[in-house]
Amino acid sequence: MIKGFKEFISQGNALELAVAVIIGAAFKPIVDNITKVILDILGQIIGSPNFDSLGQFKIDSAGDYIQPGTILTAAINFFLVALAVYFCIVMPMNKLKERTKKAEAEAPAEPTDVELLSEIRDLLAAKN
């Protein structure tokens, strides 16, 4: 069992996943702040985007309110986070990758190993 665990840990996938989790945790404050700015803007325009009390009800008079609107609030918050991440992070990174690929495609191609060896052979033959 320990041998299997060692093999699992030494695989690249487990290490890549661990690095991704650490980077994701470090990246969280950036996403949180982008989302906060968007929610603040929406709050200024349309009021507080909170639907928690929408459709609330009680089962008995002594109990707390059941608020199914919290699901809608969570869904809207998720959508806003997804929009913020896409437009502020993913889209600019995709544009950057696109420009980098375009620049690489326009750059002159490096000679292959065979071409280099042929040149060396020809230079040696000319020297002799």
N, C-alpha and C. Protein backbone atom coordinates (compact mmCIF):
# COMPACT_ATOMS: atom_id res chain seq x y z
N MET A 1 0.83 -1.19 0.00
CA MET A 1 0.00 0.00 0.00
C MET A 1 0.88 1.26 0.00
N ILE A 2 1.96 1.26 0.77
CA ILE A 2 2.85 2.42 0.82
C ILE A 2 3.55 2.60 -0.53
N LYS A 3 3.91 1.49 -1.16
CA LYS A 3 4.56 1.57 -2.47
C LYS A 3 3.63 2.22 -3.49
N GLY A 4 2.36 1.83 -3.48
CA GLY A 4 1.38 2.42 -4.39
C GLY A 4 1.21 3.91 -4.13
N PHE A 5 1.23 4.29 -2.86
CA PHE A 5 1.10 5.71 -2.51
C PHE A 5 2.32 6.49 -3.02
N LYS A 6 3.52 5.92 -2.85
CA LYS A 6 4.74 6.58 -3.35
C LYS A 6 4.68 6.77 -4.85
N GLU A 7 4.19 5.77 -5.57
CA GLU A 7 4.06 5.88 -7.03
C GLU A 7 3.05 6.96 -7.40
N PHE A 8 1.96 7.02 -6.67
CA PHE A 8 0.94 8.04 -6.94
C PHE A 8 1.49 9.44 -6.72
N ILE A 9 2.20 9.64 -5.61
CA ILE A 9 2.74 10.95 -5.28
C ILE A 9 3.82 11.36 -6.28
N SER A 10 4.61 10.40 -6.75
CA SER A 10 5.71 10.75 -7.65
C SER A 10 5.24 11.00 -9.08
N GLN A 11 3.99 10.69 -9.39
CA GLN A 11 3.46 10.98 -10.72
C GLN A 11 3.34 12.48 -10.90
N GLY A 12 3.51 12.93 -12.13
CA GLY A 12 3.40 14.35 -12.43
C GLY A 12 2.02 14.92 -12.15
N ASN A 13 0.99 14.12 -12.35
CA ASN A 13 -0.37 14.63 -12.19
C ASN A 13 -0.65 15.08 -10.75
N ALA A 14 -0.18 14.31 -9.78
CA ALA A 14 -0.42 14.69 -8.38
C ALA A 14 0.33 15.96 -8.04
N LEU A 15 1.57 16.08 -8.52
CA LEU A 15 2.35 17.27 -8.25
C LEU A 15 1.75 18.49 -8.95
N GLU A 16 1.32 18.31 -10.18
CA GLU A 16 0.69 19.41 -10.92
C GLU A 16 -0.58 19.86 -10.22
N LEU A 17 -1.35 18.91 -9.72
CA LEU A 17 -2.58 19.25 -9.01
C LEU A 17 -2.26 20.02 -7.73
N ALA A 18 -1.24 19.61 -7.00
CA ALA A 18 -0.85 20.31 -5.78
C ALA A 18 -0.43 21.74 -6.09
N VAL A 19 0.36 21.92 -7.14
CA VAL A 19 0.79 23.26 -7.54
C VAL A 19 -0.42 24.09 -7.95
N ALA A 20 -1.35 23.50 -8.69
CA ALA A 20 -2.54 24.22 -9.12
C ALA A 20 -3.38 24.68 -7.93
N VAL A 21 -3.50 23.84 -6.92
CA VAL A 21 -4.28 24.21 -5.73
C VAL A 21 -3.60 25.37 -5.01
N ILE A 22 -2.28 25.32 -4.88
CA ILE A 22 -1.55 26.39 -4.20
C ILE A 22 -1.67 27.69 -4.98
N ILE A 23 -1.50 27.64 -6.30
CA ILE A 23 -1.61 28.85 -7.11
C ILE A 23 -3.05 29.37 -7.07
N GLY A 24 -4.02 28.46 -7.10
CA GLY A 24 -5.43 28.87 -7.01
C GLY A 24 -5.72 29.58 -5.71
N ALA A 25 -5.16 29.08 -4.61
CA ALA A 25 -5.37 29.73 -3.32
C ALA A 25 -4.72 31.11 -3.29
N ALA A 26 -3.56 31.23 -3.91
CA ALA A 26 -2.89 32.53 -3.95
C ALA A 26 -3.61 33.49 -4.89
N PHE A 27 -4.29 32.97 -5.89
CA PHE A 27 -4.99 33.77 -6.88
C PHE A 27 -6.35 34.23 -6.40
N LYS A 28 -6.88 33.58 -5.36
CA LYS A 28 -8.22 33.87 -4.85
C LYS A 28 -8.43 35.34 -4.49
N PRO A 29 -7.49 36.00 -3.80
CA PRO A 29 -7.72 37.42 -3.46
C PRO A 29 -7.91 38.31 -4.69
N ILE A 30 -7.22 38.00 -5.77
CA ILE A 30 -7.38 38.79 -7.00
C ILE A 30 -8.81 38.64 -7.52
N VAL A 31 -9.27 37.41 -7.61
CA VAL A 31 -10.63 37.17 -8.10
C VAL A 31 -11.66 37.78 -7.16
N ASP A 32 -11.43 37.67 -5.86
CA ASP A 32 -12.35 38.26 -4.88
C ASP A 32 -12.46 39.77 -5.05
N ASN A 33 -11.33 40.42 -5.26
CA ASN A 33 -11.35 41.88 -5.41
C ASN A 33 -12.00 42.31 -6.72
N ILE A 34 -11.74 41.58 -7.79
CA ILE A 34 -12.41 41.89 -9.07
C ILE A 34 -13.91 41.74 -8.90
N THR A 35 -14.34 40.65 -8.25
CA THR A 35 -15.76 40.42 -8.01
C THR A 35 -16.35 41.51 -7.13
N LYS A 36 -15.62 41.93 -6.10
CA LYS A 36 -16.10 42.97 -5.20
C LYS A 36 -16.33 44.27 -5.97
N VAL A 37 -15.41 44.61 -6.85
CA VAL A 37 -15.57 45.84 -7.64
C VAL A 37 -16.82 45.74 -8.51
N ILE A 38 -17.01 44.60 -9.17
CA ILE A 38 -18.19 44.43 -10.03
C ILE A 38 -19.47 44.50 -9.20
N LEU A 39 -19.48 43.83 -8.04
CA LEU A 39 -20.67 43.88 -7.18
C LEU A 39 -20.93 45.29 -6.65
N ASP A 40 -19.86 46.03 -6.35
CA ASP A 40 -20.04 47.42 -5.90
C ASP A 40 -20.63 48.28 -7.01
N ILE A 41 -20.16 48.08 -8.23
CA ILE A 41 -20.71 48.82 -9.37
C ILE A 41 -22.18 48.48 -9.55
N LEU A 42 -22.51 47.19 -9.52
CA LEU A 42 -23.91 46.78 -9.64
C LEU A 42 -24.74 47.33 -8.50
N GLY A 43 -24.18 47.33 -7.29
CA GLY A 43 -24.90 47.87 -6.14
C GLY A 43 -25.21 49.35 -6.32
N GLN A 44 -24.29 50.09 -6.92
CA GLN A 44 -24.52 51.51 -7.17
C GLN A 44 -25.57 51.72 -8.26
N ILE A 45 -25.61 50.83 -9.24
CA ILE A 45 -26.54 50.99 -10.36
C ILE A 45 -27.93 50.49 -10.03
N ILE A 46 -28.04 49.26 -9.53
CA ILE A 46 -29.36 48.65 -9.34
C ILE A 46 -29.69 48.35 -7.88
N GLY A 47 -28.84 48.74 -6.98
CA GLY A 47 -29.07 48.40 -5.58
C GLY A 47 -28.34 47.11 -5.23
N SER A 48 -28.50 46.69 -4.02
CA SER A 48 -27.80 45.51 -3.55
C SER A 48 -28.29 44.25 -4.28
N PRO A 49 -27.39 43.55 -4.96
CA PRO A 49 -27.81 42.34 -5.68
C PRO A 49 -27.96 41.16 -4.72
N ASN A 50 -28.97 41.24 -3.85
CA ASN A 50 -29.20 40.21 -2.86
C ASN A 50 -30.65 39.75 -2.98
N PHE A 51 -30.83 38.48 -3.29
CA PHE A 51 -32.17 37.93 -3.48
C PHE A 51 -32.52 36.93 -2.38
N ASP A 52 -31.84 37.03 -1.25
CA ASP A 52 -32.03 36.05 -0.17
C ASP A 52 -33.47 36.01 0.32
N SER A 53 -34.13 37.14 0.42
CA SER A 53 -35.48 37.16 0.97
C SER A 53 -36.55 36.85 -0.07
N LEU A 54 -36.15 36.65 -1.31
CA LEU A 54 -37.10 36.34 -2.38
C LEU A 54 -37.72 34.96 -2.13
N GLY A 55 -39.02 34.90 -1.97
CA GLY A 55 -39.73 33.63 -1.79
C GLY A 55 -39.55 33.01 -0.42
N GLN A 56 -39.17 33.80 0.57
CA GLN A 56 -38.96 33.22 1.89
C GLN A 56 -40.28 32.82 2.53
N PHE A 57 -40.21 31.80 3.37
CA PHE A 57 -41.42 31.32 4.05
C PHE A 57 -41.03 30.65 5.36
N LYS A 58 -42.04 30.43 6.21
CA LYS A 58 -41.85 29.74 7.49
C LYS A 58 -42.73 28.50 7.49
N ILE A 59 -42.24 27.46 8.12
CA ILE A 59 -43.06 26.26 8.27
C ILE A 59 -43.92 26.38 9.52
N ASP A 60 -43.34 26.86 10.61
CA ASP A 60 -44.14 27.15 11.80
C ASP A 60 -43.78 28.55 12.29
N SER A 61 -44.62 29.11 13.14
CA SER A 61 -44.42 30.50 13.54
C SER A 61 -43.18 30.69 14.41
N ALA A 62 -42.71 29.66 15.08
CA ALA A 62 -41.55 29.78 15.96
C ALA A 62 -40.23 29.60 15.21
N GLY A 63 -40.26 29.01 14.03
CA GLY A 63 -39.03 28.71 13.31
C GLY A 63 -38.47 29.88 12.53
N ASP A 64 -37.29 29.71 12.05
CA ASP A 64 -36.65 30.73 11.21
C ASP A 64 -37.22 30.65 9.81
N TYR A 65 -36.98 31.75 9.08
CA TYR A 65 -37.41 31.77 7.69
C TYR A 65 -36.55 30.83 6.85
N ILE A 66 -37.17 30.19 5.92
CA ILE A 66 -36.46 29.39 4.91
C ILE A 66 -36.37 30.27 3.68
N GLN A 67 -35.15 30.47 3.20
CA GLN A 67 -34.93 31.43 2.13
C GLN A 67 -34.38 30.74 0.87
N PRO A 68 -35.27 30.31 -0.01
CA PRO A 68 -34.79 29.70 -1.25
C PRO A 68 -34.09 30.71 -2.18
N GLY A 69 -34.28 32.01 -1.90
CA GLY A 69 -33.64 33.04 -2.71
C GLY A 69 -32.12 33.03 -2.58
N THR A 70 -31.60 32.41 -1.52
CA THR A 70 -30.15 32.34 -1.36
C THR A 70 -29.51 31.55 -2.50
N ILE A 71 -30.25 30.61 -3.07
CA ILE A 71 -29.74 29.86 -4.22
C ILE A 71 -29.58 30.78 -5.41
N LEU A 72 -30.56 31.64 -5.63
CA LEU A 72 -30.48 32.60 -6.73
C LEU A 72 -29.34 33.58 -6.52
N THR A 73 -29.16 34.06 -5.29
CA THR A 73 -28.05 34.97 -4.99
C THR A 73 -26.72 34.28 -5.26
N ALA A 74 -26.58 33.03 -4.83
CA ALA A 74 -25.33 32.29 -5.06
C ALA A 74 -25.08 32.08 -6.55
N ALA A 75 -26.15 31.77 -7.31
CA ALA A 75 -26.00 31.56 -8.75
C ALA A 75 -25.58 32.85 -9.46
N ILE A 76 -26.17 33.97 -9.06
CA ILE A 76 -25.80 35.25 -9.66
C ILE A 76 -24.37 35.62 -9.29
N ASN A 77 -23.99 35.40 -8.04
CA ASN A 77 -22.61 35.67 -7.62
C ASN A 77 -21.62 34.80 -8.40
N PHE A 78 -21.97 33.53 -8.60
CA PHE A 78 -21.11 32.65 -9.40
C PHE A 78 -20.98 33.18 -10.82
N PHE A 79 -22.09 33.59 -11.40
CA PHE A 79 -22.08 34.13 -12.76
C PHE A 79 -21.21 35.38 -12.84
N LEU A 80 -21.32 36.25 -11.85
CA LEU A 80 -20.50 37.47 -11.84
C LEU A 80 -19.02 37.15 -11.69
N VAL A 81 -18.69 36.18 -10.84
CA VAL A 81 -17.29 35.76 -10.70
C VAL A 81 -16.78 35.19 -12.02
N ALA A 82 -17.59 34.35 -12.66
CA ALA A 82 -17.20 33.76 -13.94
C ALA A 82 -16.98 34.85 -14.99
N LEU A 83 -17.87 35.84 -15.03
CA LEU A 83 -17.69 36.96 -15.97
C LEU A 83 -16.41 37.74 -15.68
N ALA A 84 -16.19 38.02 -14.41
CA ALA A 84 -15.00 38.78 -14.03
C ALA A 84 -13.73 38.03 -14.40
N VAL A 85 -13.69 36.76 -14.09
CA VAL A 85 -12.50 35.96 -14.41
C VAL A 85 -12.31 35.89 -15.92
N TYR A 86 -13.39 35.69 -16.66
CA TYR A 86 -13.26 35.56 -18.12
C TYR A 86 -12.79 36.86 -18.75
N PHE A 87 -13.46 37.97 -18.45
CA PHE A 87 -13.14 39.22 -19.12
C PHE A 87 -11.86 39.88 -18.61
N CYS A 88 -11.53 39.68 -17.35
CA CYS A 88 -10.35 40.34 -16.79
C CYS A 88 -9.09 39.48 -16.80
N ILE A 89 -9.24 38.17 -16.93
CA ILE A 89 -8.08 37.29 -16.86
C ILE A 89 -7.96 36.38 -18.08
N VAL A 90 -9.00 35.60 -18.36
CA VAL A 90 -8.92 34.60 -19.43
C VAL A 90 -8.79 35.26 -20.80
N MET A 91 -9.65 36.21 -21.10
CA MET A 91 -9.63 36.84 -22.42
C MET A 91 -8.31 37.56 -22.70
N PRO A 92 -7.78 38.37 -21.76
CA PRO A 92 -6.47 38.98 -22.03
C PRO A 92 -5.35 37.95 -22.20
N MET A 93 -5.38 36.87 -21.42
CA MET A 93 -4.35 35.84 -21.56
C MET A 93 -4.45 35.14 -22.91
N ASN A 94 -5.68 34.89 -23.37
CA ASN A 94 -5.86 34.28 -24.70
C ASN A 94 -5.33 35.20 -25.80
N LYS A 95 -5.58 36.51 -25.67
CA LYS A 95 -5.06 37.47 -26.65
C LYS A 95 -3.53 37.47 -26.64
N LEU A 96 -2.95 37.41 -25.44
CA LEU A 96 -1.50 37.38 -25.33
C LEU A 96 -0.92 36.12 -25.97
N LYS A 97 -1.55 34.97 -25.71
CA LYS A 97 -1.10 33.72 -26.33
C LYS A 97 -1.20 33.79 -27.84
N GLU A 98 -2.30 34.37 -28.32
CA GLU A 98 -2.52 34.52 -29.76
C GLU A 98 -1.43 35.37 -30.40
N ARG A 99 -1.10 36.48 -29.74
CA ARG A 99 -0.04 37.36 -30.26
C ARG A 99 1.31 36.65 -30.24
N THR A 100 1.57 35.89 -29.17
CA THR A 100 2.84 35.17 -29.06
C THR A 100 2.96 34.12 -30.16
N LYS A 101 1.89 33.37 -30.40
CA LYS A 101 1.91 32.36 -31.46
C LYS A 101 2.10 33.02 -32.82
N LYS A 102 1.46 34.16 -33.03
CA LYS A 102 1.58 34.87 -34.30
C LYS A 102 3.01 35.34 -34.50
N ALA A 103 3.63 35.86 -33.44
CA ALA A 103 5.02 36.32 -33.52
C ALA A 103 5.96 35.15 -33.79
N GLU A 104 5.69 34.00 -33.17
CA GLU A 104 6.52 32.82 -33.40
C GLU A 104 6.37 32.30 -34.83
N ALA A 105 5.15 32.38 -35.36
CA ALA A 105 4.91 31.91 -36.72
C ALA A 105 5.59 32.81 -37.74
N GLU A 106 5.67 34.11 -37.44
CA GLU A 106 6.30 35.05 -38.36
C GLU A 106 7.82 35.01 -38.28
N ALA A 107 8.37 34.52 -37.18
CA ALA A 107 9.83 34.45 -37.02
C ALA A 107 10.40 33.43 -38.00
N PRO A 108 11.61 33.68 -38.49
CA PRO A 108 12.20 32.72 -39.42
C PRO A 108 12.46 31.39 -38.72
N ALA A 109 12.22 30.33 -39.45
CA ALA A 109 12.37 29.00 -38.89
C ALA A 109 13.85 28.68 -38.69
N GLU A 110 14.16 28.04 -37.58
CA GLU A 110 15.54 27.65 -37.32
C GLU A 110 15.87 26.43 -38.17
N PRO A 111 17.13 26.31 -38.58
CA PRO A 111 17.50 25.15 -39.40
C PRO A 111 17.38 23.86 -38.59
N THR A 112 17.05 22.80 -39.29
CA THR A 112 16.92 21.50 -38.64
C THR A 112 18.30 20.91 -38.39
N ASP A 113 18.34 19.84 -37.63
CA ASP A 113 19.61 19.16 -37.35
C ASP A 113 20.27 18.66 -38.64
N VAL A 114 19.46 18.14 -39.54
CA VAL A 114 19.98 17.62 -40.81
C VAL A 114 20.61 18.75 -41.62
N GLU A 115 19.95 19.91 -41.65
CA GLU A 115 20.50 21.04 -42.40
C GLU A 115 21.82 21.51 -41.79
N LEU A 116 21.88 21.58 -40.47
CA LEU A 116 23.12 21.99 -39.81
C LEU A 116 24.25 21.00 -40.07
N LEU A 117 23.93 19.73 -39.97
CA LEU A 117 24.95 18.71 -40.24
C LEU A 117 25.41 18.76 -41.68
N SER A 118 24.50 19.03 -42.60
CA SER A 118 24.87 19.15 -44.01
C SER A 118 25.81 20.34 -44.22
N GLU A 119 25.54 21.44 -43.55
CA GLU A 119 26.41 22.61 -43.66
C GLU A 119 27.80 22.31 -43.11
N ILE A 120 27.84 21.63 -41.96
CA ILE A 120 29.13 21.27 -41.37
C ILE A 120 29.90 20.33 -42.30
N ARG A 121 29.19 19.36 -42.87
CA ARG A 121 29.83 18.44 -43.81
C ARG A 121 30.42 19.19 -45.01
N ASP A 122 29.62 20.12 -45.55
CA ASP A 122 30.07 20.88 -46.72
C ASP A 122 31.28 21.75 -46.37
N LEU A 123 31.27 22.37 -45.19
CA LEU A 123 32.41 23.20 -44.77
C LEU A 123 33.67 22.36 -44.56
N LEU A 124 33.50 21.18 -43.99
CA LEU A 124 34.63 20.30 -43.82
C LEU A 124 35.16 19.80 -45.15
N ALA A 125 34.25 19.51 -46.07
CA ALA A 125 34.68 19.04 -47.39
C ALA A 125 35.39 20.15 -48.15
N ALA A 126 34.92 21.38 -48.00
CA ALA A 126 35.56 22.51 -48.68
C ALA A 126 36.93 22.81 -48.07
N LYS A 127 37.07 22.58 -46.78
CA LYS A 127 38.34 22.82 -46.09
C LYS A 127 39.40 21.84 -46.56
N ASN A 128 39.00 20.59 -46.81
CA ASN A 128 39.94 19.56 -47.24
C ASN A 128 40.13 19.70 -48.72
